[in-house]
Amino acid sequence: KDDAGHSADPAAIKELEDGGLVTVNGARAAFTSDG
């Protein structure tokens, strides 16, 4: 979520995290090596 009010869809981020494509760390979702 940025200061302009834009945000990533929480369900999409959870799906990517569950699939091993991102790792959520605080306010960021980092691409894993598979991601």
PDB file of all heavy atoms in Angstrom:
ATOM      1  N   LYS A   1       0.863  -1.180   0.000  1.00  0.00           N
ATOM      2  CA  LYS A   1       0.000   0.000   0.000  1.00  0.00           C
ATOM      3  C   LYS A   1       0.897   1.227   0.000  1.00  0.00           C
ATOM      4  O   LYS A   1       1.786   1.347   0.833  1.00  0.00           O
ATOM      5  CB  LYS A   1      -0.914   0.014   1.226  1.00  0.00           C
ATOM      6  CG  LYS A   1      -1.909   1.156   1.192  1.00  0.00           C
ATOM      7  CD  LYS A   1      -2.924   1.051   2.302  1.00  0.00           C
ATOM      8  CE  LYS A   1      -3.924   2.188   2.160  1.00  0.00           C
ATOM      9  NZ  LYS A   1      -4.956   2.141   3.185  1.00  0.00           N
ATOM     10  N   ASP A   2       0.636   2.140  -0.959  1.00  0.00           N
ATOM     11  CA  ASP A   2       1.474   3.331  -1.028  1.00  0.00           C
ATOM     12  C   ASP A   2       0.771   4.546  -0.431  1.00  0.00           C
ATOM     13  O   ASP A   2      -0.389   4.473  -0.030  1.00  0.00           O
ATOM     14  CB  ASP A   2       1.938   3.602  -2.460  1.00  0.00           C
ATOM     15  CG  ASP A   2       0.831   4.003  -3.405  1.00  0.00           C
ATOM     16  OD1 ASP A   2      -0.288   4.333  -2.946  1.00  0.00           O
ATOM     17  OD2 ASP A   2       1.077   4.005  -4.624  1.00  0.00           O
ATOM     18  N   ASP A   3       1.484   5.652  -0.378  1.00  0.00           N
ATOM     19  CA  ASP A   3       0.946   6.883   0.214  1.00  0.00           C
ATOM     20  C   ASP A   3      -0.137   7.536  -0.645  1.00  0.00           C
ATOM     21  O   ASP A   3      -0.847   8.414  -0.172  1.00  0.00           O
ATOM     22  CB  ASP A   3       2.071   7.889   0.452  1.00  0.00           C
ATOM     23  CG  ASP A   3       3.038   7.411   1.517  1.00  0.00           C
ATOM     24  OD1 ASP A   3       2.631   6.611   2.389  1.00  0.00           O
ATOM     25  OD2 ASP A   3       4.217   7.830   1.485  1.00  0.00           O
ATOM     26  N   ALA A   4      -0.262   7.109  -1.900  1.00  0.00           N
ATOM     27  CA  ALA A   4      -1.270   7.671  -2.794  1.00  0.00           C
ATOM     28  C   ALA A   4      -2.597   6.915  -2.714  1.00  0.00           C
ATOM     29  O   ALA A   4      -3.534   7.223  -3.442  1.00  0.00           O
ATOM     30  CB  ALA A   4      -0.759   7.671  -4.229  1.00  0.00           C
ATOM     31  N   GLY A   5      -2.661   5.899  -1.856  1.00  0.00           N
ATOM     32  CA  GLY A   5      -3.905   5.155  -1.700  1.00  0.00           C
ATOM     33  C   GLY A   5      -4.016   3.922  -2.572  1.00  0.00           C
ATOM     34  O   GLY A   5      -5.033   3.241  -2.555  1.00  0.00           O
ATOM     35  N   HIS A   6      -2.984   3.604  -3.351  1.00  0.00           N
ATOM     36  CA  HIS A   6      -2.992   2.391  -4.166  1.00  0.00           C
ATOM     37  C   HIS A   6      -2.590   1.218  -3.296  1.00  0.00           C
ATOM     38  O   HIS A   6      -1.724   1.344  -2.433  1.00  0.00           O
ATOM     39  CB  HIS A   6      -1.998   2.507  -5.325  1.00  0.00           C
ATOM     40  CG  HIS A   6      -2.243   3.670  -6.202  1.00  0.00           C
ATOM     41  ND1 HIS A   6      -1.333   4.691  -6.354  1.00  0.00           N
ATOM     42  CD2 HIS A   6      -3.299   4.013  -6.975  1.00  0.00           C
ATOM     43  CE1 HIS A   6      -1.812   5.594  -7.182  1.00  0.00           C
ATOM     44  NE2 HIS A   6      -3.010   5.204  -7.570  1.00  0.00           N
ATOM     45  N   SER A   7      -3.216   0.066  -3.546  1.00  0.00           N
ATOM     46  CA  SER A   7      -2.841  -1.110  -2.762  1.00  0.00           C
ATOM     47  C   SER A   7      -2.972  -2.377  -3.592  1.00  0.00           C
ATOM     48  O   SER A   7      -3.806  -2.474  -4.485  1.00  0.00           O
ATOM     49  CB  SER A   7      -3.697  -1.214  -1.498  1.00  0.00           C
ATOM     50  OG  SER A   7      -5.055  -1.347  -1.828  1.00  0.00           O
ATOM     51  N   ALA A   8      -2.115  -3.324  -3.259  1.00  0.00           N
ATOM     52  CA  ALA A   8      -2.192  -4.640  -3.895  1.00  0.00           C
ATOM     53  C   ALA A   8      -3.363  -5.398  -3.285  1.00  0.00           C
ATOM     54  O   ALA A   8      -3.657  -5.254  -2.100  1.00  0.00           O
ATOM     55  CB  ALA A   8      -0.892  -5.388  -3.658  1.00  0.00           C
ATOM     56  N   ASP A   9      -4.041  -6.186  -4.086  1.00  0.00           N
ATOM     57  CA  ASP A   9      -5.167  -6.967  -3.606  1.00  0.00           C
ATOM     58  C   ASP A   9      -4.682  -7.983  -2.573  1.00  0.00           C
ATOM     59  O   ASP A   9      -3.810  -8.806  -2.877  1.00  0.00           O
ATOM     60  CB  ASP A   9      -5.822  -7.680  -4.792  1.00  0.00           C
ATOM     61  CG  ASP A   9      -7.052  -8.439  -4.376  1.00  0.00           C
ATOM     62  OD1 ASP A   9      -6.903  -9.603  -3.953  1.00  0.00           O
ATOM     63  OD2 ASP A   9      -8.151  -7.873  -4.460  1.00  0.00           O
ATOM     64  N   PRO A  10      -5.216  -7.932  -1.349  1.00  0.00           N
ATOM     65  CA  PRO A  10      -4.755  -8.854  -0.300  1.00  0.00           C
ATOM     66  C   PRO A  10      -4.910 -10.327  -0.669  1.00  0.00           C
ATOM     67  O   PRO A  10      -4.039 -11.142  -0.351  1.00  0.00           O
ATOM     68  CB  PRO A  10      -5.619  -8.502   0.912  1.00  0.00           C
ATOM     69  CG  PRO A  10      -6.090  -7.105   0.655  1.00  0.00           C
ATOM     70  CD  PRO A  10      -6.206  -6.985  -0.841  1.00  0.00           C
ATOM     71  N   ALA A  11      -5.990 -10.682  -1.345  1.00  0.00           N
ATOM     72  CA  ALA A  11      -6.191 -12.079  -1.740  1.00  0.00           C
ATOM     73  C   ALA A  11      -5.149 -12.507  -2.773  1.00  0.00           C
ATOM     74  O   ALA A  11      -4.666 -13.643  -2.750  1.00  0.00           O
ATOM     75  CB  ALA A  11      -7.599 -12.284  -2.283  1.00  0.00           C
ATOM     76  N   ALA A  12      -4.789 -11.602  -3.680  1.00  0.00           N
ATOM     77  CA  ALA A  12      -3.770 -11.907  -4.687  1.00  0.00           C
ATOM     78  C   ALA A  12      -2.413 -12.119  -4.022  1.00  0.00           C
ATOM     79  O   ALA A  12      -1.685 -13.059  -4.356  1.00  0.00           O
ATOM     80  CB  ALA A  12      -3.689 -10.792  -5.720  1.00  0.00           C
ATOM     81  N   ILE A  13      -2.084 -11.254  -3.079  1.00  0.00           N
ATOM     82  CA  ILE A  13      -0.803 -11.388  -2.377  1.00  0.00           C
ATOM     83  C   ILE A  13      -0.770 -12.692  -1.580  1.00  0.00           C
ATOM     84  O   ILE A  13       0.225 -13.416  -1.587  1.00  0.00           O
ATOM     85  CB  ILE A  13      -0.542 -10.166  -1.473  1.00  0.00           C
ATOM     86  CG1 ILE A  13      -0.390  -8.902  -2.335  1.00  0.00           C
ATOM     87  CG2 ILE A  13       0.683 -10.388  -0.596  1.00  0.00           C
ATOM     88  CD1 ILE A  13       0.758  -8.919  -3.335  1.00  0.00           C
ATOM     89  N   LYS A  14      -1.875 -13.036  -0.927  1.00  0.00           N
ATOM     90  CA  LYS A  14      -1.940 -14.301  -0.173  1.00  0.00           C
ATOM     91  C   LYS A  14      -1.770 -15.490  -1.114  1.00  0.00           C
ATOM     92  O   LYS A  14      -1.051 -16.443  -0.796  1.00  0.00           O
ATOM     93  CB  LYS A  14      -3.267 -14.408   0.570  1.00  0.00           C
ATOM     94  CG  LYS A  14      -3.475 -15.764   1.223  1.00  0.00           C
ATOM     95  CD  LYS A  14      -3.902 -15.667   2.644  1.00  0.00           C
ATOM     96  CE  LYS A  14      -4.171 -16.989   3.304  1.00  0.00           C
ATOM     97  NZ  LYS A  14      -3.124 -17.960   3.302  1.00  0.00           N
ATOM     98  N   GLU A  15      -2.414 -15.426  -2.270  1.00  0.00           N
ATOM     99  CA  GLU A  15      -2.287 -16.503  -3.257  1.00  0.00           C
ATOM    100  C   GLU A  15      -0.834 -16.662  -3.703  1.00  0.00           C
ATOM    101  O   GLU A  15      -0.318 -17.782  -3.797  1.00  0.00           O
ATOM    102  CB  GLU A  15      -3.188 -16.189  -4.459  1.00  0.00           C
ATOM    103  CG  GLU A  15      -3.131 -17.210  -5.559  1.00  0.00           C
ATOM    104  CD  GLU A  15      -4.017 -16.850  -6.746  1.00  0.00           C
ATOM    105  OE1 GLU A  15      -4.825 -15.904  -6.653  1.00  0.00           O
ATOM    106  OE2 GLU A  15      -3.875 -17.531  -7.771  1.00  0.00           O
ATOM    107  N   LEU A  16      -0.170 -15.542  -3.974  1.00  0.00           N
ATOM    108  CA  LEU A  16       1.228 -15.592  -4.397  1.00  0.00           C
ATOM    109  C   LEU A  16       2.132 -16.083  -3.270  1.00  0.00           C
ATOM    110  O   LEU A  16       3.072 -16.844  -3.510  1.00  0.00           O
ATOM    111  CB  LEU A  16       1.683 -14.216  -4.888  1.00  0.00           C
ATOM    112  CG  LEU A  16       0.995 -13.714  -6.153  1.00  0.00           C
ATOM    113  CD1 LEU A  16       1.408 -12.285  -6.454  1.00  0.00           C
ATOM    114  CD2 LEU A  16       1.273 -14.633  -7.333  1.00  0.00           C
ATOM    115  N   GLU A  17       1.823 -15.657  -2.057  1.00  0.00           N
ATOM    116  CA  GLU A  17       2.610 -16.104  -0.909  1.00  0.00           C
ATOM    117  C   GLU A  17       2.408 -17.608  -0.683  1.00  0.00           C
ATOM    118  O   GLU A  17       3.382 -18.352  -0.501  1.00  0.00           O
ATOM    119  CB  GLU A  17       2.208 -15.314   0.331  1.00  0.00           C
ATOM    120  CG  GLU A  17       3.090 -15.585   1.531  1.00  0.00           C
ATOM    121  CD  GLU A  17       2.770 -14.675   2.712  1.00  0.00           C
ATOM    122  OE1 GLU A  17       1.596 -14.265   2.878  1.00  0.00           O
ATOM    123  OE2 GLU A  17       3.704 -14.397   3.465  1.00  0.00           O
ATOM    124  N   ASP A  18       1.168 -18.058  -0.730  1.00  0.00           N
ATOM    125  CA  ASP A  18       0.870 -19.487  -0.565  1.00  0.00           C
ATOM    126  C   ASP A  18       1.515 -20.330  -1.660  1.00  0.00           C
ATOM    127  O   ASP A  18       1.876 -21.480  -1.437  1.00  0.00           O
ATOM    128  CB  ASP A  18      -0.637 -19.739  -0.546  1.00  0.00           C
ATOM    129  CG  ASP A  18      -1.312 -19.211   0.724  1.00  0.00           C
ATOM    130  OD1 ASP A  18      -0.604 -18.846   1.687  1.00  0.00           O
ATOM    131  OD2 ASP A  18      -2.561 -19.147   0.717  1.00  0.00           O
ATOM    132  N   GLY A  19       1.656 -19.737  -2.851  1.00  0.00           N
ATOM    133  CA  GLY A  19       2.271 -20.432  -3.976  1.00  0.00           C
ATOM    134  C   GLY A  19       3.786 -20.344  -4.000  1.00  0.00           C
ATOM    135  O   GLY A  19       4.429 -20.864  -4.910  1.00  0.00           O
ATOM    136  N   GLY A  20       4.369 -19.662  -3.018  1.00  0.00           N
ATOM    137  CA  GLY A  20       5.817 -19.565  -2.944  1.00  0.00           C
ATOM    138  C   GLY A  20       6.443 -18.577  -3.913  1.00  0.00           C
ATOM    139  O   GLY A  20       7.644 -18.643  -4.176  1.00  0.00           O
ATOM    140  N   LEU A  21       5.628 -17.647  -4.446  1.00  0.00           N
ATOM    141  CA  LEU A  21       6.149 -16.689  -5.414  1.00  0.00           C
ATOM    142  C   LEU A  21       6.559 -15.358  -4.794  1.00  0.00           C
ATOM    143  O   LEU A  21       7.363 -14.623  -5.384  1.00  0.00           O
ATOM    144  CB  LEU A  21       5.128 -16.466  -6.532  1.00  0.00           C
ATOM    145  CG  LEU A  21       4.790 -17.719  -7.345  1.00  0.00           C
ATOM    146  CD1 LEU A  21       3.667 -17.433  -8.327  1.00  0.00           C
ATOM    147  CD2 LEU A  21       6.015 -18.252  -8.067  1.00  0.00           C
ATOM    148  N   VAL A  22       6.016 -15.038  -3.625  1.00  0.00           N
ATOM    149  CA  VAL A  22       6.412 -13.834  -2.899  1.00  0.00           C
ATOM    150  C   VAL A  22       6.537 -14.165  -1.415  1.00  0.00           C
ATOM    151  O   VAL A  22       5.945 -15.129  -0.925  1.00  0.00           O
ATOM    152  CB  VAL A  22       5.425 -12.646  -3.063  1.00  0.00           C
ATOM    153  CG1 VAL A  22       5.260 -12.241  -4.514  1.00  0.00           C
ATOM    154  CG2 VAL A  22       4.087 -12.925  -2.411  1.00  0.00           C
ATOM    155  N   THR A  23       7.304 -13.333  -0.736  1.00  0.00           N
ATOM    156  CA  THR A  23       7.409 -13.371   0.715  1.00  0.00           C
ATOM    157  C   THR A  23       7.024 -12.003   1.231  1.00  0.00           C
ATOM    158  O   THR A  23       7.595 -10.988   0.796  1.00  0.00           O
ATOM    159  CB  THR A  23       8.850 -13.703   1.158  1.00  0.00           C
ATOM    160  OG1 THR A  23       9.223 -14.960   0.611  1.00  0.00           O
ATOM    161  CG2 THR A  23       8.958 -13.754   2.664  1.00  0.00           C
ATOM    162  N   VAL A  24       6.039 -11.954   2.104  1.00  0.00           N
ATOM    163  CA  VAL A  24       5.588 -10.676   2.653  1.00  0.00           C
ATOM    164  C   VAL A  24       6.458 -10.330   3.852  1.00  0.00           C
ATOM    165  O   VAL A  24       6.663 -11.152   4.745  1.00  0.00           O
ATOM    166  CB  VAL A  24       4.099 -10.733   3.047  1.00  0.00           C
ATOM    167  CG1 VAL A  24       3.672  -9.448   3.734  1.00  0.00           C
ATOM    168  CG2 VAL A  24       3.241 -10.995   1.815  1.00  0.00           C
ATOM    169  N   ASN A  25       6.971  -9.098   3.811  1.00  0.00           N
ATOM    170  CA  ASN A  25       7.789  -8.596   4.910  1.00  0.00           C
ATOM    171  C   ASN A  25       7.364  -7.167   5.168  1.00  0.00           C
ATOM    172  O   ASN A  25       7.751  -6.254   4.429  1.00  0.00           O
ATOM    173  CB  ASN A  25       9.274  -8.681   4.559  1.00  0.00           C
ATOM    174  CG  ASN A  25      10.159  -8.282   5.722  1.00  0.00           C
ATOM    175  OD1 ASN A  25       9.698  -8.101   6.841  1.00  0.00           O
ATOM    176  ND2 ASN A  25      11.446  -8.140   5.441  1.00  0.00           N
ATOM    177  N   GLY A  26       6.509  -6.985   6.168  1.00  0.00           N
ATOM    178  CA  GLY A  26       6.018  -5.645   6.480  1.00  0.00           C
ATOM    179  C   GLY A  26       5.134  -5.116   5.376  1.00  0.00           C
ATOM    180  O   GLY A  26       4.146  -5.742   5.001  1.00  0.00           O
ATOM    181  N   ALA A  27       5.522  -3.984   4.814  1.00  0.00           N
ATOM    182  CA  ALA A  27       4.719  -3.312   3.797  1.00  0.00           C
ATOM    183  C   ALA A  27       5.097  -3.708   2.377  1.00  0.00           C
ATOM    184  O   ALA A  27       4.639  -3.098   1.416  1.00  0.00           O
ATOM    185  CB  ALA A  27       4.860  -1.802   3.953  1.00  0.00           C
ATOM    186  N   ARG A  28       5.917  -4.755   2.237  1.00  0.00           N
ATOM    187  CA  ARG A  28       6.377  -5.173   0.906  1.00  0.00           C
ATOM    188  C   ARG A  28       6.166  -6.665   0.689  1.00  0.00           C
ATOM    189  O   ARG A  28       6.194  -7.446   1.635  1.00  0.00           O
ATOM    190  CB  ARG A  28       7.860  -4.864   0.725  1.00  0.00           C
ATOM    191  CG  ARG A  28       8.178  -3.395   0.812  1.00  0.00           C
ATOM    192  CD  ARG A  28       9.676  -3.170   0.710  1.00  0.00           C
ATOM    193  NE  ARG A  28      10.002  -1.787   0.932  1.00  0.00           N
ATOM    194  CZ  ARG A  28      10.128  -0.880  -0.029  1.00  0.00           C
ATOM    195  NH1 ARG A  28       9.955  -1.231  -1.284  1.00  0.00           N
ATOM    196  NH2 ARG A  28      10.419   0.367   0.250  1.00  0.00           N
ATOM    197  N   ALA A  29       5.996  -7.027  -0.561  1.00  0.00           N
ATOM    198  CA  ALA A  29       5.980  -8.429  -0.970  1.00  0.00           C
ATOM    199  C   ALA A  29       7.134  -8.613  -1.946  1.00  0.00           C
ATOM    200  O   ALA A  29       7.117  -8.059  -3.050  1.00  0.00           O
ATOM    201  CB  ALA A  29       4.659  -8.801  -1.631  1.00  0.00           C
ATOM    202  N   ALA A  30       8.152  -9.336  -1.507  1.00  0.00           N
ATOM    203  CA  ALA A  30       9.348  -9.552  -2.323  1.00  0.00           C
ATOM    204  C   ALA A  30       9.190 -10.833  -3.132  1.00  0.00           C
ATOM    205  O   ALA A  30       8.684 -11.838  -2.628  1.00  0.00           O
ATOM    206  CB  ALA A  30      10.579  -9.645  -1.430  1.00  0.00           C
ATOM    207  N   PHE A  31       9.640 -10.789  -4.388  1.00  0.00           N
ATOM    208  CA  PHE A  31       9.618 -11.988  -5.216  1.00  0.00           C
ATOM    209  C   PHE A  31      10.634 -12.992  -4.672  1.00  0.00           C
ATOM    210  O   PHE A  31      11.784 -12.648  -4.417  1.00  0.00           O
ATOM    211  CB  PHE A  31       9.949 -11.666  -6.670  1.00  0.00           C
ATOM    212  CG  PHE A  31       8.939 -10.773  -7.350  1.00  0.00           C
ATOM    213  CD1 PHE A  31       9.343  -9.839  -8.284  1.00  0.00           C
ATOM    214  CD2 PHE A  31       7.586 -10.864  -7.079  1.00  0.00           C
ATOM    215  CE1 PHE A  31       8.430  -9.018  -8.923  1.00  0.00           C
ATOM    216  CE2 PHE A  31       6.657 -10.050  -7.706  1.00  0.00           C
ATOM    217  CZ  PHE A  31       7.090  -9.126  -8.637  1.00  0.00           C
ATOM    218  N   THR A  32      10.211 -14.231  -4.487  1.00  0.00           N
ATOM    219  CA  THR A  32      11.124 -15.314  -4.127  1.00  0.00           C
ATOM    220  C   THR A  32      11.914 -15.680  -5.382  1.00  0.00           C
ATOM    221  O   THR A  32      11.670 -15.136  -6.471  1.00  0.00           O
ATOM    222  CB  THR A  32      10.346 -16.542  -3.642  1.00  0.00           C
ATOM    223  OG1 THR A  32       9.535 -17.020  -4.723  1.00  0.00           O
ATOM    224  CG2 THR A  32       9.484 -16.224  -2.423  1.00  0.00           C
ATOM    225  N   SER A  33      12.828 -16.638  -5.274  1.00  0.00           N
ATOM    226  CA  SER A  33      13.561 -17.062  -6.475  1.00  0.00           C
ATOM    227  C   SER A  33      12.594 -17.634  -7.509  1.00  0.00           C
ATOM    228  O   SER A  33      12.735 -17.368  -8.712  1.00  0.00           O
ATOM    229  CB  SER A  33      14.666 -18.055  -6.132  1.00  0.00           C
ATOM    230  OG  SER A  33      14.131 -19.182  -5.492  1.00  0.00           O
ATOM    231  N   ASP A  34      11.576 -18.393  -7.066  1.00  0.00           N
ATOM    232  CA  ASP A  34      10.562 -18.891  -8.005  1.00  0.00           C
ATOM    233  C   ASP A  34       9.751 -17.735  -8.583  1.00  0.00           C
ATOM    234  O   ASP A  34       9.408 -17.739  -9.761  1.00  0.00           O
ATOM    235  CB  ASP A  34       9.618 -19.880  -7.327  1.00  0.00           C
ATOM    236  CG  ASP A  34      10.253 -21.241  -7.082  1.00  0.00           C
ATOM    237  OD1 ASP A  34      11.316 -21.528  -7.680  1.00  0.00           O
ATOM    238  OD2 ASP A  34       9.676 -22.011  -6.300  1.00  0.00           O
ATOM    239  N   GLY A  35       9.440 -16.749  -7.744  1.00  0.00           N
ATOM    240  CA  GLY A  35       8.716 -15.563  -8.216  1.00  0.00           C
ATOM    241  C   GLY A  35       9.517 -14.765  -9.217  1.00  0.00           C
ATOM    242  O   GLY A  35       8.979 -14.279 -10.213  1.00  0.00           O
TER     243      GLY A  35
END
